[in-house]
Amino acid sequence: MIATTLRLWLQRHVLPPHALSRLRTRSHRGLALIAVLAIIVAGTAVATFALSRGGHARTVPQSSPPLLKAAASRRQAADWVAAQVSRGVIVACDPLMCNALQQRGFPAADLLAINASSGDPLGSGIVISTTAVRSQLGPRLATVYAPVVIASFGTGTYLIQVRAAAAGGIATYRSAMQADLLAREVAGRQLNRNSGIVMPSSARADLSHGRVDARILITLAALAHRFPVQVVSFSDSGPGAGPGVPLRMLTVNAPSAGYLSQLLAFLRAQRPPLRALISPHSHGNVSTVQIEFTAPSLPGLLSTGVSA
């Protein structure tokens, strides 16, 4: 049957009748060879026809807009966490987010992967809320494990939230945060009365309403004890942070080179939890220094008597 089909195909498309008569006298091996060649030719023709009719369908599709949006939110969140979150804080995340953090140098030992086979994110200090994590933990994410949003990226389905975990349970955590807010308000009002600190009215309002991280309050009091302090602003509670999340950055003026040198020496001599990220910036003869503490904020420092 194969030989007959081959002969008819060759007769119609390739060889004249006198050539076919010679082919019929060839050995079986010759027919087999011709059959192989015919199959190759036919396969090439079919492939060419398919490419000519639908070659564009074989093109590898580009990433869809939803995937691009999800990747952008994940990238922004990973960049922020890698730059802002303390090393040694356990970060619970889905496998994709954990991988993105590792690529940015976040220690693998500080990551806790959340997936279908994992348990609850107990023991973590930060939970990164992605679609996968929200699907896994459901409403318990906000009501049990991590009630406070300290940063967020993207919107809708592509929303990624960085949440502070509730150490000791939700009731204990909320009680500690409320006590810390009251202590920050008291300390802020005391700093507002310090004649050695010059600051704009917006910064005074931040102090009196307890919006400033306890580590900044302790550092600011220690600085004012040594030399006059010119506060520019308090800032950096994280993009899209929830209400009540403390401001973790203090920006001060350094009016001279000598002042700048003393300020940097003092800040660099501090130890955790009062060791800050320091960024000096020159503006002609005057410099500013950004003093930023890592996330999350630590409740209870004012009541434990930590000093700079």
Protein backbone atom coordinates (compact mmCIF):
# COMPACT_ATOMS: atom_id res chain seq x y z
CA MET A 1 0.00 0.00 0.00
CA ILE A 2 2.84 2.38 0.87
CA ALA A 3 4.56 1.61 -2.44
CA THR A 4 1.40 2.21 -4.45
CA THR A 5 0.68 5.50 -2.67
CA LEU A 6 4.27 6.60 -3.22
CA ARG A 7 4.13 5.69 -6.90
CA LEU A 8 0.93 7.66 -7.49
CA TRP A 9 2.28 10.69 -5.62
CA LEU A 10 5.54 10.63 -7.57
CA GLN A 11 3.68 10.18 -10.86
CA ARG A 12 1.52 13.22 -10.21
CA HIS A 13 4.09 15.56 -8.66
CA VAL A 14 7.67 14.55 -9.37
CA LEU A 15 8.66 11.86 -11.94
CA PRO A 16 7.60 11.10 -15.59
CA PRO A 17 6.06 7.65 -16.41
CA HIS A 18 9.26 6.16 -17.94
CA ALA A 19 11.14 6.93 -14.73
CA LEU A 20 8.47 5.23 -12.65
CA SER A 21 8.82 2.03 -14.75
CA ARG A 22 12.46 1.88 -13.73
CA LEU A 23 11.57 2.44 -10.11
CA ARG A 24 9.33 -0.66 -10.14
CA THR A 25 12.38 -2.83 -10.92
CA ARG A 26 14.38 -1.50 -8.01
CA SER A 27 15.00 -3.44 -4.85
CA HIS A 28 12.98 -3.14 -1.70
CA ARG A 29 15.78 -1.12 -0.18
CA GLY A 30 15.49 1.44 -2.95
CA LEU A 31 11.77 1.78 -2.38
CA ALA A 32 12.35 2.26 1.30
CA LEU A 33 14.85 5.03 0.60
CA ILE A 34 12.44 6.76 -1.78
CA ALA A 35 9.66 6.42 0.78
CA VAL A 36 11.79 8.12 3.40
CA LEU A 37 12.65 10.94 0.98
CA ALA A 38 8.99 11.34 0.05
CA ILE A 39 7.98 11.56 3.70
CA ILE A 40 10.63 14.25 4.27
CA VAL A 41 9.43 16.21 1.25
CA ALA A 42 5.79 15.87 2.28
CA GLY A 43 6.57 16.88 5.86
CA THR A 44 8.44 19.95 4.65
CA ALA A 45 5.52 20.91 2.43
CA VAL A 46 3.06 20.55 5.29
CA ALA A 47 5.25 22.58 7.62
CA THR A 48 5.67 25.32 5.01
CA PHE A 49 1.93 25.43 4.44
CA ALA A 50 1.22 25.61 8.17
CA LEU A 51 3.71 28.44 8.67
CA SER A 52 2.32 30.36 5.71
CA ARG A 53 -1.25 30.07 7.06
CA GLY A 54 -0.66 30.56 10.77
CA GLY A 55 2.94 31.42 11.48
CA HIS A 56 1.94 34.25 13.75
CA ALA A 57 0.15 31.80 16.06
CA ARG A 58 3.45 30.08 16.79
CA THR A 59 5.02 33.27 18.10
CA VAL A 60 5.69 33.13 21.86
CA PRO A 61 3.17 35.56 23.36
CA GLN A 62 4.45 38.52 25.31
CA SER A 63 3.57 38.85 28.99
CA SER A 64 0.00 39.95 29.44
CA PRO A 65 -0.83 43.26 31.18
CA PRO A 66 -2.09 41.48 34.34
CA LEU A 67 1.19 39.59 34.66
CA LEU A 68 3.16 42.78 34.13
CA LYS A 69 1.15 44.59 36.80
CA ALA A 70 1.58 41.73 39.26
CA ALA A 71 5.33 41.65 38.59
CA ALA A 72 5.60 45.43 39.06
CA SER A 73 3.86 45.29 42.45
CA ARG A 74 6.03 42.37 43.54
CA ARG A 75 9.20 44.18 42.44
CA GLN A 76 8.26 47.38 44.32
CA ALA A 77 7.37 45.47 47.47
CA ALA A 78 10.56 43.41 47.35
CA ASP A 79 12.71 46.53 46.87
CA TRP A 80 11.05 48.25 49.82
CA VAL A 81 11.29 45.27 52.17
CA ALA A 82 14.93 44.59 51.25
CA ALA A 83 15.81 48.23 51.99
CA GLN A 84 13.59 48.91 55.01
CA VAL A 85 13.03 45.76 57.05
CA SER A 86 15.49 44.82 59.77
CA ARG A 87 17.71 41.82 59.20
CA GLY A 88 16.82 39.17 61.71
CA VAL A 89 13.09 39.89 61.37
CA ILE A 90 11.32 36.82 59.97
CA VAL A 91 9.39 37.70 56.82
CA ALA A 92 6.52 35.39 55.80
CA CYS A 93 5.81 35.43 52.06
CA ASP A 94 4.62 33.31 49.15
CA PRO A 95 7.35 31.47 47.18
CA LEU A 96 7.50 34.05 44.36
CA MET A 97 7.92 36.94 46.80
CA CYS A 98 10.45 35.03 48.89
CA ASN A 99 12.46 34.40 45.73
CA ALA A 100 12.32 38.10 44.79
CA LEU A 101 13.61 39.04 48.24
CA GLN A 102 16.48 36.56 48.03
CA GLN A 103 17.47 38.05 44.67
CA ARG A 104 17.76 41.42 46.42
CA GLY A 105 20.05 40.05 49.11
CA PHE A 106 17.52 39.41 51.87
CA PRO A 107 18.79 36.45 53.93
CA ALA A 108 17.09 33.16 53.11
CA ALA A 109 17.26 32.25 56.80
CA ASP A 110 14.95 35.20 57.56
CA LEU A 111 12.25 34.05 55.11
CA LEU A 112 9.25 31.84 55.91
CA ALA A 113 7.49 30.52 52.80
CA ILE A 114 3.69 30.33 52.89
CA ASN A 115 2.11 27.74 50.60
CA ALA A 116 -0.58 25.09 50.61
CA SER A 117 1.56 22.70 52.67
CA SER A 118 2.87 25.23 55.19
CA GLY A 119 1.35 26.12 58.51
CA ASP A 120 0.44 29.52 59.88
CA PRO A 121 3.00 32.38 59.84
CA LEU A 122 3.45 32.27 63.61
CA GLY A 123 6.81 33.59 64.76
CA SER A 124 7.20 36.00 61.85
CA GLY A 125 7.63 39.74 62.32
CA ILE A 126 6.38 40.70 58.86
CA VAL A 127 3.79 39.08 56.61
CA ILE A 128 3.72 40.11 52.95
CA SER A 129 0.12 39.93 51.82
CA THR A 130 -0.12 38.89 48.17
CA THR A 131 -3.08 37.29 46.40
CA ALA A 132 -1.63 33.85 47.16
CA VAL A 133 -1.16 34.63 50.86
CA ARG A 134 -4.64 36.14 51.19
CA SER A 135 -6.10 33.04 49.55
CA GLN A 136 -4.15 30.82 51.93
CA LEU A 137 -4.88 32.66 55.20
CA GLY A 138 -8.23 34.29 54.45
CA PRO A 139 -9.61 36.80 56.98
CA ARG A 140 -7.27 35.46 59.67
CA LEU A 141 -4.47 37.39 57.99
CA ALA A 142 -5.81 40.74 59.27
CA THR A 143 -7.73 39.57 62.33
CA VAL A 144 -5.23 37.13 63.83
CA TYR A 145 -1.76 37.23 62.33
CA ALA A 146 -0.87 40.68 60.94
CA PRO A 147 -3.37 43.48 61.65
CA VAL A 148 -1.30 46.55 60.71
CA VAL A 149 -0.31 47.59 57.17
CA ILE A 150 3.06 49.35 57.19
CA ALA A 151 3.42 49.67 53.38
CA SER A 152 1.42 48.78 50.28
CA PHE A 153 2.01 48.58 46.54
CA GLY A 154 -0.35 48.21 43.59
CA THR A 155 -4.14 48.11 43.67
CA GLY A 156 -6.99 45.65 43.35
CA THR A 157 -5.91 42.13 42.45
CA TYR A 158 -2.31 43.31 42.22
CA LEU A 159 -2.27 44.82 45.73
CA ILE A 160 0.66 43.75 47.90
CA GLN A 161 0.69 44.80 51.55
CA VAL A 162 3.57 44.61 53.98
CA ARG A 163 2.00 43.86 57.36
CA ALA A 164 3.42 43.87 60.88
CA ALA A 165 2.76 40.56 62.61
CA ALA A 166 0.98 40.50 65.97
CA ALA A 167 3.55 39.16 68.39
CA GLY A 168 1.92 37.39 71.32
CA GLY A 169 -1.53 37.41 69.73
CA ILE A 170 -3.82 40.14 68.50
CA ALA A 171 -5.07 41.31 71.92
CA THR A 172 -1.58 41.58 73.40
CA TYR A 173 -0.28 43.33 70.29
CA ARG A 174 -3.04 45.94 70.23
CA SER A 175 -2.60 46.63 73.93
CA ALA A 176 1.15 47.13 73.44
CA MET A 177 0.59 49.45 70.46
CA GLN A 178 -1.90 51.57 72.41
CA ALA A 179 0.46 51.86 75.36
CA ASP A 180 3.30 52.77 73.02
CA LEU A 181 1.19 55.50 71.37
CA LEU A 182 0.45 57.08 74.76
CA ALA A 183 4.14 56.94 75.71
CA ARG A 184 5.11 58.55 72.39
CA GLU A 185 2.63 61.36 72.96
CA VAL A 186 4.07 62.08 76.41
CA ALA A 187 7.67 61.98 75.15
CA GLY A 188 6.76 64.13 72.13
CA ARG A 189 5.23 66.85 74.29
CA GLN A 190 8.35 66.86 76.45
CA LEU A 191 10.56 67.29 73.39
CA ASN A 192 8.35 70.14 72.18
CA ARG A 193 9.26 72.02 75.37
CA ASN A 194 13.01 71.46 74.87
CA SER A 195 14.60 74.82 74.01
CA GLY A 196 17.53 73.07 72.40
CA ILE A 197 15.38 71.74 69.55
CA VAL A 198 14.27 74.00 66.70
CA MET A 199 11.62 72.59 64.34
CA PRO A 200 8.72 73.62 62.10
CA SER A 201 5.14 73.53 63.34
CA SER A 202 4.39 70.40 61.30
CA ALA A 203 7.12 68.51 63.15
CA ARG A 204 5.81 69.74 66.50
CA ALA A 205 2.37 68.45 65.59
CA ASP A 206 3.84 65.04 64.72
CA LEU A 207 5.48 64.92 68.15
CA SER A 208 2.47 65.99 70.15
CA HIS A 209 0.19 63.46 68.41
CA GLY A 210 2.54 60.53 68.97
CA ARG A 211 3.24 59.98 65.28
CA VAL A 212 7.01 59.60 65.70
CA ASP A 213 8.79 56.29 66.25
CA ALA A 214 10.10 55.76 69.77
CA ARG A 215 13.66 55.21 68.51
CA ILE A 216 13.66 58.69 66.96
CA LEU A 217 12.32 60.22 70.18
CA ILE A 218 15.10 58.60 72.21
CA THR A 219 17.74 59.64 69.67
CA LEU A 220 16.44 63.20 69.44
CA ALA A 221 16.48 63.63 73.22
CA ALA A 222 20.06 62.35 73.36
CA LEU A 223 21.17 64.68 70.55
CA ALA A 224 19.55 67.72 72.21
CA HIS A 225 21.45 66.89 75.40
CA ARG A 226 24.76 67.27 73.51
CA PHE A 227 24.20 70.13 71.08
CA PRO A 228 21.41 72.22 69.52
CA VAL A 229 19.29 70.33 66.99
CA GLN A 230 17.57 71.80 63.91
CA VAL A 231 14.81 69.39 62.87
CA VAL A 232 13.75 69.58 59.22
CA SER A 233 11.01 66.95 59.31
CA PHE A 234 9.76 63.56 60.42
CA SER A 235 8.80 61.23 57.58
CA ASP A 236 8.76 57.75 56.02
CA SER A 237 5.97 55.67 57.44
CA GLY A 238 5.99 53.58 54.25
CA PRO A 239 3.89 54.11 51.09
CA GLY A 240 0.25 53.34 51.70
CA ALA A 241 0.79 52.68 55.40
CA GLY A 242 -2.24 52.31 57.63
CA PRO A 243 -3.26 54.92 60.20
CA GLY A 244 -1.12 55.15 63.31
CA VAL A 245 2.04 53.67 61.81
CA PRO A 246 4.93 55.67 63.33
CA LEU A 247 7.24 57.86 61.26
CA ARG A 248 10.70 56.27 61.21
CA MET A 249 12.86 58.99 59.64
CA LEU A 250 14.25 62.15 61.17
CA THR A 251 15.96 64.76 58.98
CA VAL A 252 18.16 67.36 60.71
CA ASN A 253 20.38 70.22 59.56
CA ALA A 254 24.14 70.14 60.10
CA PRO A 255 25.18 73.83 59.90
CA SER A 256 28.95 73.22 59.87
CA ALA A 257 31.54 70.57 59.07
CA GLY A 258 32.43 70.22 62.74
CA TYR A 259 28.80 69.74 63.73
CA LEU A 260 28.34 67.15 60.98
CA SER A 261 31.38 65.22 62.15
CA GLN A 262 30.16 65.11 65.77
CA LEU A 263 26.64 64.13 64.71
CA LEU A 264 27.81 61.26 62.50
CA ALA A 265 30.21 60.02 65.16
CA PHE A 266 27.41 59.91 67.74
CA LEU A 267 24.96 58.13 65.42
CA ARG A 268 27.51 55.55 64.28
CA ALA A 269 28.36 54.70 67.89
CA GLN A 270 24.82 53.53 68.64
CA ARG A 271 23.87 49.87 68.92
CA PRO A 272 20.63 48.10 68.03
CA PRO A 273 17.83 48.89 68.43
CA LEU A 274 19.06 52.50 68.21
CA ARG A 275 21.45 51.94 65.30
CA ALA A 276 20.00 53.90 62.37
CA LEU A 277 20.59 54.11 58.64
CA ILE A 278 22.41 57.42 58.11
CA SER A 279 22.36 59.44 54.86
CA PRO A 280 24.18 62.80 54.84
CA HIS A 281 23.49 65.21 51.96
CA SER A 282 25.41 68.40 51.17
CA HIS A 283 23.65 71.65 50.18
CA GLY A 284 26.44 74.19 49.77
CA ASN A 285 27.79 75.09 53.20
CA VAL A 286 24.93 73.31 54.97
CA SER A 287 24.31 69.58 55.13
CA THR A 288 21.23 67.57 56.04
CA VAL A 289 21.33 64.16 57.61
CA GLN A 290 18.56 61.60 57.28
CA ILE A 291 18.35 59.30 60.30
CA GLU A 292 16.12 56.34 59.46
CA PHE A 293 15.20 53.32 61.52
CA THR A 294 14.17 50.00 60.03
CA ALA A 295 10.69 48.49 59.99
CA PRO A 296 8.73 47.41 61.86
CA SER A 297 8.55 49.85 64.75
CA LEU A 298 9.24 48.37 68.16
CA PRO A 299 6.59 49.05 70.82
CA GLY A 300 7.61 49.30 74.45
CA LEU A 301 11.04 50.92 74.12
CA LEU A 302 10.03 54.04 76.04
CA SER A 303 8.68 52.00 78.93
CA THR A 304 11.78 49.78 79.13
CA GLY A 305 14.14 52.72 79.60
CA VAL A 306 16.27 52.25 76.47
CA SER A 307 18.67 55.19 76.15
CA ALA A 308 21.07 56.48 73.52
